[in-house]
ModelCIF file with pLDDT and N, C-alpha, C, O atoms, coordinates in Angstrom:
data_MODEL
#
_entry.id   MODEL 
#
_entity.id                         1 
_entity.type                       polymer 
_entity.pdbx_number_of_molecules   1 
#
_entity_poly.entity_id                      1 
_entity_poly.type                           'polypeptide(L)' 
_entity_poly.nstd_linkage                   no 
_entity_poly.nstd_monomer                   no 
_entity_poly.pdbx_seq_one_letter_code       KGVPIEVYTPLGDASSPVPPWLDNYEQAVTL 
_entity_poly.pdbx_seq_one_letter_code_can   KGVPIEVYTPLGDASSPVPPWLDNYEQAVTL 
_entity_poly.pdbx_strand_id                 A 
#
loop_
_entity_poly_seq.entity_id 
_entity_poly_seq.num 
_entity_poly_seq.mon_id 
_entity_poly_seq.hetero 
1 1  LYS n 
1 2  GLY n 
1 3  VAL n 
1 4  PRO n 
1 5  ILE n 
1 6  GLU n 
1 7  VAL n 
1 8  TYR n 
1 9  THR n 
1 10 PRO n 
1 11 LEU n 
1 12 GLY n 
1 13 ASP n 
1 14 ALA n 
1 15 SER n 
1 16 SER n 
1 17 PRO n 
1 18 VAL n 
1 19 PRO n 
1 20 PRO n 
1 21 TRP n 
1 22 LEU n 
1 23 ASP n 
1 24 ASN n 
1 25 TYR n 
1 26 GLU n 
1 27 GLN n 
1 28 ALA n 
1 29 VAL n 
1 30 THR n 
1 31 LEU n 
#
_struct_asym.id          A 
_struct_asym.entity_id   1 
#
loop_
_ma_qa_metric.id 
_ma_qa_metric.mode 
_ma_qa_metric.name 
_ma_qa_metric.software_group_id 
_ma_qa_metric.type 
1 global pLDDT . pLDDT 
2 local  pLDDT . pLDDT 
#
_ma_qa_metric_global.metric_id      1 
_ma_qa_metric_global.metric_value   92.58 
_ma_qa_metric_global.model_id       1 
_ma_qa_metric_global.ordinal_id     1 
#
loop_
_ma_qa_metric_local.label_asym_id 
_ma_qa_metric_local.label_comp_id 
_ma_qa_metric_local.label_seq_id 
_ma_qa_metric_local.metric_id 
_ma_qa_metric_local.metric_value 
_ma_qa_metric_local.model_id 
_ma_qa_metric_local.ordinal_id 
A LYS 1  2 82.00 1 1  
A GLY 2  2 80.00 1 2  
A VAL 3  2 89.00 1 3  
A PRO 4  2 92.00 1 4  
A ILE 5  2 92.00 1 5  
A GLU 6  2 94.00 1 6  
A VAL 7  2 95.00 1 7  
A TYR 8  2 96.00 1 8  
A THR 9  2 96.00 1 9  
A PRO 10 2 95.00 1 10 
A LEU 11 2 94.00 1 11 
A GLY 12 2 92.00 1 12 
A ASP 13 2 91.00 1 13 
A ALA 14 2 91.00 1 14 
A SER 15 2 91.00 1 15 
A SER 16 2 91.00 1 16 
A PRO 17 2 92.00 1 17 
A VAL 18 2 93.00 1 18 
A PRO 19 2 93.00 1 19 
A PRO 20 2 93.00 1 20 
A TRP 21 2 94.00 1 21 
A LEU 22 2 94.00 1 22 
A ASP 23 2 94.00 1 23 
A ASN 24 2 95.00 1 24 
A TYR 25 2 95.00 1 25 
A GLU 26 2 94.00 1 26 
A GLN 27 2 95.00 1 27 
A ALA 28 2 94.00 1 28 
A VAL 29 2 94.00 1 29 
A THR 30 2 94.00 1 30 
A LEU 31 2 95.00 1 31 
#
loop_
_atom_site.group_PDB 
_atom_site.id 
_atom_site.type_symbol 
_atom_site.label_atom_id 
_atom_site.label_alt_id 
_atom_site.label_comp_id 
_atom_site.label_asym_id 
_atom_site.label_entity_id 
_atom_site.label_seq_id 
_atom_site.pdbx_PDB_ins_code 
_atom_site.Cartn_x 
_atom_site.Cartn_y 
_atom_site.Cartn_z 
_atom_site.occupancy 
_atom_site.B_iso_or_equiv 
_atom_site.pdbx_formal_charge 
_atom_site.auth_seq_id 
_atom_site.auth_comp_id 
_atom_site.auth_asym_id 
_atom_site.auth_atom_id 
_atom_site.pdbx_PDB_model_num 
ATOM 1   N N  . LYS A 1 1  ? 23.828 23.875 31.116 1.00 82.00 ? 1  LYS A N  1 
ATOM 2   C CA . LYS A 1 1  ? 22.534 23.190 31.515 1.00 82.00 ? 1  LYS A CA 1 
ATOM 3   C C  . LYS A 1 1  ? 22.850 21.781 31.943 1.00 82.00 ? 1  LYS A C  1 
ATOM 4   O O  . LYS A 1 1  ? 23.658 21.087 31.326 1.00 82.00 ? 1  LYS A O  1 
ATOM 5   N N  . GLY A 1 2  ? 22.181 21.361 33.038 1.00 80.00 ? 2  GLY A N  1 
ATOM 6   C CA . GLY A 1 2  ? 22.434 20.017 33.514 1.00 80.00 ? 2  GLY A CA 1 
ATOM 7   C C  . GLY A 1 2  ? 21.538 18.978 32.913 1.00 80.00 ? 2  GLY A C  1 
ATOM 8   O O  . GLY A 1 2  ? 21.900 17.802 32.879 1.00 80.00 ? 2  GLY A O  1 
ATOM 9   N N  . VAL A 1 3  ? 20.357 19.376 32.429 1.00 89.00 ? 3  VAL A N  1 
ATOM 10  C CA . VAL A 1 3  ? 19.377 18.409 31.922 1.00 89.00 ? 3  VAL A CA 1 
ATOM 11  C C  . VAL A 1 3  ? 19.251 18.595 30.430 1.00 89.00 ? 3  VAL A C  1 
ATOM 12  O O  . VAL A 1 3  ? 19.011 19.718 29.986 1.00 89.00 ? 3  VAL A O  1 
ATOM 13  N N  . PRO A 1 4  ? 19.405 17.525 29.610 1.00 92.00 ? 4  PRO A N  1 
ATOM 14  C CA . PRO A 1 4  ? 19.286 17.645 28.168 1.00 92.00 ? 4  PRO A CA 1 
ATOM 15  C C  . PRO A 1 4  ? 17.782 17.767 27.789 1.00 92.00 ? 4  PRO A C  1 
ATOM 16  O O  . PRO A 1 4  ? 16.901 17.368 28.550 1.00 92.00 ? 4  PRO A O  1 
ATOM 17  N N  . ILE A 1 5  ? 17.529 18.326 26.596 1.00 92.00 ? 5  ILE A N  1 
ATOM 18  C CA . ILE A 1 5  ? 16.170 18.444 26.098 1.00 92.00 ? 5  ILE A CA 1 
ATOM 19  C C  . ILE A 1 5  ? 16.126 17.787 24.737 1.00 92.00 ? 5  ILE A C  1 
ATOM 20  O O  . ILE A 1 5  ? 17.134 17.728 24.033 1.00 92.00 ? 5  ILE A O  1 
ATOM 21  N N  . GLU A 1 6  ? 14.927 17.283 24.360 1.00 94.00 ? 6  GLU A N  1 
ATOM 22  C CA . GLU A 1 6  ? 14.732 16.782 23.040 1.00 94.00 ? 6  GLU A CA 1 
ATOM 23  C C  . GLU A 1 6  ? 14.556 17.950 22.066 1.00 94.00 ? 6  GLU A C  1 
ATOM 24  O O  . GLU A 1 6  ? 13.883 18.934 22.375 1.00 94.00 ? 6  GLU A O  1 
ATOM 25  N N  . VAL A 1 7  ? 15.154 17.829 20.919 1.00 95.00 ? 7  VAL A N  1 
ATOM 26  C CA . VAL A 1 7  ? 15.102 18.895 19.912 1.00 95.00 ? 7  VAL A CA 1 
ATOM 27  C C  . VAL A 1 7  ? 14.479 18.260 18.647 1.00 95.00 ? 7  VAL A C  1 
ATOM 28  O O  . VAL A 1 7  ? 14.782 17.132 18.261 1.00 95.00 ? 7  VAL A O  1 
ATOM 29  N N  . TYR A 1 8  ? 13.552 19.097 18.007 1.00 96.00 ? 8  TYR A N  1 
ATOM 30  C CA . TYR A 1 8  ? 12.864 18.600 16.851 1.00 96.00 ? 8  TYR A CA 1 
ATOM 31  C C  . TYR A 1 8  ? 12.988 19.637 15.711 1.00 96.00 ? 8  TYR A C  1 
ATOM 32  O O  . TYR A 1 8  ? 13.333 20.794 15.951 1.00 96.00 ? 8  TYR A O  1 
ATOM 33  N N  . THR A 1 9  ? 12.699 19.195 14.457 1.00 96.00 ? 9  THR A N  1 
ATOM 34  C CA . THR A 1 9  ? 12.568 20.090 13.396 1.00 96.00 ? 9  THR A CA 1 
ATOM 35  C C  . THR A 1 9  ? 11.228 19.805 12.722 1.00 96.00 ? 9  THR A C  1 
ATOM 36  O O  . THR A 1 9  ? 10.917 18.645 12.454 1.00 96.00 ? 9  THR A O  1 
ATOM 37  N N  . PRO A 1 10 ? 10.410 20.858 12.434 1.00 95.00 ? 10 PRO A N  1 
ATOM 38  C CA . PRO A 1 10 ? 9.099  20.600 11.750 1.00 95.00 ? 10 PRO A CA 1 
ATOM 39  C C  . PRO A 1 10 ? 9.261  20.314 10.270 1.00 95.00 ? 10 PRO A C  1 
ATOM 40  O O  . PRO A 1 10 ? 10.087 20.917 9.585  1.00 95.00 ? 10 PRO A O  1 
ATOM 41  N N  . LEU A 1 11 ? 8.453  19.379 9.794  1.00 94.00 ? 11 LEU A N  1 
ATOM 42  C CA . LEU A 1 11 ? 8.460  19.049 8.362  1.00 94.00 ? 11 LEU A CA 1 
ATOM 43  C C  . LEU A 1 11 ? 7.298  19.633 7.633  1.00 94.00 ? 11 LEU A C  1 
ATOM 44  O O  . LEU A 1 11 ? 7.252  19.552 6.405  1.00 94.00 ? 11 LEU A O  1 
ATOM 45  N N  . GLY A 1 12 ? 6.348  20.222 8.326  1.00 92.00 ? 12 GLY A N  1 
ATOM 46  C CA . GLY A 1 12 ? 5.145  20.795 7.708  1.00 92.00 ? 12 GLY A CA 1 
ATOM 47  C C  . GLY A 1 12 ? 3.968  20.651 8.634  1.00 92.00 ? 12 GLY A C  1 
ATOM 48  O O  . GLY A 1 12 ? 4.045  19.971 9.658  1.00 92.00 ? 12 GLY A O  1 
ATOM 49  N N  . ASP A 1 13 ? 2.827  21.320 8.255  1.00 91.00 ? 13 ASP A N  1 
ATOM 50  C CA . ASP A 1 13 ? 1.653  21.174 9.097  1.00 91.00 ? 13 ASP A CA 1 
ATOM 51  C C  . ASP A 1 13 ? 0.952  19.850 8.857  1.00 91.00 ? 13 ASP A C  1 
ATOM 52  O O  . ASP A 1 13 ? 1.309  19.100 7.950  1.00 91.00 ? 13 ASP A O  1 
ATOM 53  N N  . ALA A 1 14 ? -0.064 19.567 9.692  1.00 91.00 ? 14 ALA A N  1 
ATOM 54  C CA . ALA A 1 14 ? -0.692 18.276 9.709  1.00 91.00 ? 14 ALA A CA 1 
ATOM 55  C C  . ALA A 1 14 ? -1.391 17.943 8.395  1.00 91.00 ? 14 ALA A C  1 
ATOM 56  O O  . ALA A 1 14 ? -1.602 16.770 8.088  1.00 91.00 ? 14 ALA A O  1 
ATOM 57  N N  . SER A 1 15 ? -1.757 18.979 7.607  1.00 91.00 ? 15 SER A N  1 
ATOM 58  C CA . SER A 1 15 ? -2.423 18.819 6.333  1.00 91.00 ? 15 SER A CA 1 
ATOM 59  C C  . SER A 1 15 ? -1.520 18.232 5.258  1.00 91.00 ? 15 SER A C  1 
ATOM 60  O O  . SER A 1 15 ? -2.014 17.655 4.289  1.00 91.00 ? 15 SER A O  1 
ATOM 61  N N  . SER A 1 16 ? -0.207 18.368 5.410  1.00 91.00 ? 16 SER A N  1 
ATOM 62  C CA . SER A 1 16 ? 0.752  17.844 4.435  1.00 91.00 ? 16 SER A CA 1 
ATOM 63  C C  . SER A 1 16 ? 0.998  16.335 4.661  1.00 91.00 ? 16 SER A C  1 
ATOM 64  O O  . SER A 1 16 ? 0.885  15.856 5.789  1.00 91.00 ? 16 SER A O  1 
ATOM 65  N N  . PRO A 1 17 ? 1.325  15.609 3.619  1.00 92.00 ? 17 PRO A N  1 
ATOM 66  C CA . PRO A 1 17 ? 1.578  14.186 3.825  1.00 92.00 ? 17 PRO A CA 1 
ATOM 67  C C  . PRO A 1 17 ? 2.810  13.883 4.655  1.00 92.00 ? 17 PRO A C  1 
ATOM 68  O O  . PRO A 1 17 ? 3.797  14.618 4.629  1.00 92.00 ? 17 PRO A O  1 
ATOM 69  N N  . VAL A 1 18 ? 2.730  12.772 5.402  1.00 93.00 ? 18 VAL A N  1 
ATOM 70  C CA . VAL A 1 18 ? 3.895  12.356 6.248  1.00 93.00 ? 18 VAL A CA 1 
ATOM 71  C C  . VAL A 1 18 ? 4.908  11.670 5.348  1.00 93.00 ? 18 VAL A C  1 
ATOM 72  O O  . VAL A 1 18 ? 4.548  10.786 4.571  1.00 93.00 ? 18 VAL A O  1 
ATOM 73  N N  . PRO A 1 19 ? 6.178  12.070 5.447  1.00 93.00 ? 19 PRO A N  1 
ATOM 74  C CA . PRO A 1 19 ? 7.217  11.434 4.637  1.00 93.00 ? 19 PRO A CA 1 
ATOM 75  C C  . PRO A 1 19 ? 7.258  9.936  4.899  1.00 93.00 ? 19 PRO A C  1 
ATOM 76  O O  . PRO A 1 19 ? 7.217  9.532  6.061  1.00 93.00 ? 19 PRO A O  1 
ATOM 77  N N  . PRO A 1 20 ? 7.335  9.109  3.891  1.00 93.00 ? 20 PRO A N  1 
ATOM 78  C CA . PRO A 1 20 ? 7.248  7.656  4.109  1.00 93.00 ? 20 PRO A CA 1 
ATOM 79  C C  . PRO A 1 20 ? 8.440  7.072  4.925  1.00 93.00 ? 20 PRO A C  1 
ATOM 80  O O  . PRO A 1 20 ? 8.346  5.995  5.514  1.00 93.00 ? 20 PRO A O  1 
ATOM 81  N N  . TRP A 1 21 ? 9.552  7.830  4.930  1.00 94.00 ? 21 TRP A N  1 
ATOM 82  C CA . TRP A 1 21 ? 10.751 7.350  5.613  1.00 94.00 ? 21 TRP A CA 1 
ATOM 83  C C  . TRP A 1 21 ? 10.798 7.744  7.079  1.00 94.00 ? 21 TRP A C  1 
ATOM 84  O O  . TRP A 1 21 ? 11.729 7.354  7.783  1.00 94.00 ? 21 TRP A O  1 
ATOM 85  N N  . LEU A 1 22 ? 9.817  8.507  7.562  1.00 94.00 ? 22 LEU A N  1 
ATOM 86  C CA . LEU A 1 22 ? 9.918  9.090  8.924  1.00 94.00 ? 22 LEU A CA 1 
ATOM 87  C C  . LEU A 1 22 ? 9.906  8.082  10.021 1.00 94.00 ? 22 LEU A C  1 
ATOM 88  O O  . LEU A 1 22 ? 10.636 8.196  11.006 1.00 94.00 ? 22 LEU A O  1 
ATOM 89  N N  . ASP A 1 23 ? 9.027  7.036  9.839  1.00 94.00 ? 23 ASP A N  1 
ATOM 90  C CA . ASP A 1 23 ? 8.945  5.967  10.856 1.00 94.00 ? 23 ASP A CA 1 
ATOM 91  C C  . ASP A 1 23 ? 10.263 5.237  10.980 1.00 94.00 ? 23 ASP A C  1 
ATOM 92  O O  . ASP A 1 23 ? 10.720 4.972  12.092 1.00 94.00 ? 23 ASP A O  1 
ATOM 93  N N  . ASN A 1 24 ? 10.888 4.903  9.854  1.00 95.00 ? 24 ASN A N  1 
ATOM 94  C CA . ASN A 1 24 ? 12.191 4.254  9.895  1.00 95.00 ? 24 ASN A CA 1 
ATOM 95  C C  . ASN A 1 24 ? 13.228 5.123  10.530 1.00 95.00 ? 24 ASN A C  1 
ATOM 96  O O  . ASN A 1 24 ? 14.079 4.625  11.267 1.00 95.00 ? 24 ASN A O  1 
ATOM 97  N N  . TYR A 1 25 ? 13.189 6.398  10.273 1.00 95.00 ? 25 TYR A N  1 
ATOM 98  C CA . TYR A 1 25 ? 14.127 7.321  10.873 1.00 95.00 ? 25 TYR A CA 1 
ATOM 99  C C  . TYR A 1 25 ? 13.992 7.345  12.396 1.00 95.00 ? 25 TYR A C  1 
ATOM 100 O O  . TYR A 1 25 ? 14.983 7.266  13.122 1.00 95.00 ? 25 TYR A O  1 
ATOM 101 N N  . GLU A 1 26 ? 12.712 7.458  12.879 1.00 94.00 ? 26 GLU A N  1 
ATOM 102 C CA . GLU A 1 26 ? 12.498 7.487  14.314 1.00 94.00 ? 26 GLU A CA 1 
ATOM 103 C C  . GLU A 1 26 ? 12.984 6.133  14.971 1.00 94.00 ? 26 GLU A C  1 
ATOM 104 O O  . GLU A 1 26 ? 13.566 6.128  16.056 1.00 94.00 ? 26 GLU A O  1 
ATOM 105 N N  . GLN A 1 27 ? 12.727 5.053  14.295 1.00 95.00 ? 27 GLN A N  1 
ATOM 106 C CA . GLN A 1 27 ? 13.197 3.767  14.809 1.00 95.00 ? 27 GLN A CA 1 
ATOM 107 C C  . GLN A 1 27 ? 14.742 3.711  14.892 1.00 95.00 ? 27 GLN A C  1 
ATOM 108 O O  . GLN A 1 27 ? 15.324 3.179  15.837 1.00 95.00 ? 27 GLN A O  1 
ATOM 109 N N  . ALA A 1 28 ? 15.371 4.292  13.842 1.00 94.00 ? 28 ALA A N  1 
ATOM 110 C CA . ALA A 1 28 ? 16.812 4.296  13.823 1.00 94.00 ? 28 ALA A CA 1 
ATOM 111 C C  . ALA A 1 28 ? 17.365 5.135  14.983 1.00 94.00 ? 28 ALA A C  1 
ATOM 112 O O  . ALA A 1 28 ? 18.360 4.739  15.591 1.00 94.00 ? 28 ALA A O  1 
ATOM 113 N N  . VAL A 1 29 ? 16.741 6.297  15.313 1.00 94.00 ? 29 VAL A N  1 
ATOM 114 C CA . VAL A 1 29 ? 17.184 7.056  16.460 1.00 94.00 ? 29 VAL A CA 1 
ATOM 115 C C  . VAL A 1 29 ? 17.018 6.282  17.786 1.00 94.00 ? 29 VAL A C  1 
ATOM 116 O O  . VAL A 1 29 ? 17.863 6.343  18.680 1.00 94.00 ? 29 VAL A O  1 
ATOM 117 N N  . THR A 1 30 ? 15.903 5.561  17.868 1.00 94.00 ? 30 THR A N  1 
ATOM 118 C CA . THR A 1 30 ? 15.693 4.694  19.079 1.00 94.00 ? 30 THR A CA 1 
ATOM 119 C C  . THR A 1 30 ? 16.773 3.651  19.216 1.00 94.00 ? 30 THR A C  1 
ATOM 120 O O  . THR A 1 30 ? 17.295 3.448  20.312 1.00 94.00 ? 30 THR A O  1 
ATOM 121 N N  . LEU A 1 31 ? 17.138 2.955  18.090 1.00 95.00 ? 31 LEU A N  1 
ATOM 122 C CA . LEU A 1 31 ? 18.239 1.938  18.115 1.00 95.00 ? 31 LEU A CA 1 
ATOM 123 C C  . LEU A 1 31 ? 19.531 2.595  18.519 1.00 95.00 ? 31 LEU A C  1 
ATOM 124 O O  . LEU A 1 31 ? 20.564 1.930  18.601 1.00 95.00 ? 31 LEU A O  1 
#
């Protein structure tokens, strides 16, 4: 494949609480 794609893993449905570390993790990937 010539074009990369973003890959994700689900942590649960929207009714479950968001992990408190998730924002820091996303910021770390951006850095």
